[in-house]
Amino acid sequence: MSFEFKENIVDRCIYLKVSWSKFIFFILCVDDILLTTNDFGLLSETKKFISNKFEMKDMSETYYVI
């Protein structure tokens, strides 16, 4: 929430941040996070913010999600 994400009221594991035409979804599943966005700058900024708060590993691109 401190990074301006809004919690989804239907599914409390999904967060969204919108800035003009840019958006990023933060999807939390147990101890994994999936970030999906239409802007690589926003993705880098979000990853940097998260890595400053938590220990994390960047697993690179996701090709599919079940």
Protein backbone atom coordinates (compact mmCIF):
# COMPACT_ATOMS: atom_id res chain seq x y z
CA MET A 1 0.00 0.00 0.00
CA SER A 2 2.91 2.37 0.65
CA PHE A 3 3.82 2.17 -3.04
CA GLU A 4 0.33 3.36 -4.07
CA PHE A 5 -1.08 -0.09 -4.87
CA LYS A 6 -4.84 -0.52 -4.43
CA GLU A 7 -6.12 -3.80 -3.02
CA ASN A 8 -8.69 -5.72 -5.07
CA ILE A 9 -11.84 -6.05 -2.95
CA VAL A 10 -12.82 -9.38 -4.54
CA ASP A 11 -9.44 -11.12 -4.29
CA ARG A 12 -7.20 -9.75 -1.54
CA CYS A 13 -4.08 -11.22 -3.18
CA ILE A 14 -4.27 -8.91 -6.20
CA TYR A 15 -3.11 -5.30 -6.12
CA LEU A 16 -3.14 -2.70 -8.88
CA LYS A 17 -1.27 0.53 -9.42
CA VAL A 18 -2.33 2.89 -12.21
CA SER A 19 -0.40 5.99 -13.24
CA TRP A 20 -1.86 7.71 -16.29
CA SER A 21 -1.67 5.11 -19.06
CA LYS A 22 0.73 2.86 -17.14
CA PHE A 23 -0.45 0.02 -14.92
CA ILE A 24 1.05 -2.82 -12.93
CA PHE A 25 -0.60 -5.79 -11.25
CA PHE A 26 0.99 -7.28 -8.13
CA ILE A 27 -0.30 -10.82 -7.63
CA LEU A 28 0.65 -12.61 -4.43
CA CYS A 29 0.48 -16.40 -4.08
CA VAL A 30 1.90 -17.81 -0.82
CA ASP A 31 5.58 -16.79 -1.12
CA ASP A 32 5.61 -15.96 -4.84
CA ILE A 33 4.87 -12.65 -6.54
CA LEU A 34 3.81 -12.16 -10.14
CA LEU A 35 4.20 -8.67 -11.58
CA THR A 36 2.56 -7.83 -14.89
CA THR A 37 2.67 -4.41 -16.52
CA ASN A 38 2.54 -2.48 -19.75
CA ASP A 39 5.61 -0.39 -18.85
CA PHE A 40 9.12 -1.72 -18.22
CA GLY A 41 10.15 1.43 -16.32
CA LEU A 42 7.32 0.92 -13.84
CA LEU A 43 8.31 -2.74 -13.54
CA SER A 44 11.93 -1.83 -12.71
CA GLU A 45 10.80 0.80 -10.21
CA THR A 46 8.48 -1.69 -8.49
CA LYS A 47 11.13 -4.43 -8.35
CA LYS A 48 13.60 -1.97 -6.83
CA PHE A 49 11.05 -0.90 -4.20
CA ILE A 50 10.22 -4.51 -3.26
CA SER A 51 13.87 -5.61 -3.15
CA ASN A 52 14.67 -2.74 -0.75
CA LYS A 53 11.96 -4.00 1.62
CA PHE A 54 12.33 -7.78 1.25
CA GLU A 55 14.87 -10.36 0.19
CA MET A 56 13.85 -11.47 -3.27
CA LYS A 57 15.00 -13.37 -6.34
CA ASP A 58 14.07 -12.16 -9.82
CA MET A 59 13.03 -15.25 -11.75
CA SER A 60 12.83 -13.29 -15.03
CA GLU A 61 9.94 -13.52 -17.50
CA THR A 62 6.89 -15.68 -16.99
CA TYR A 63 5.71 -17.53 -20.07
CA TYR A 64 2.49 -18.96 -18.66
CA VAL A 65 0.50 -19.03 -15.44
CA ILE A 66 -1.89 -21.76 -14.39
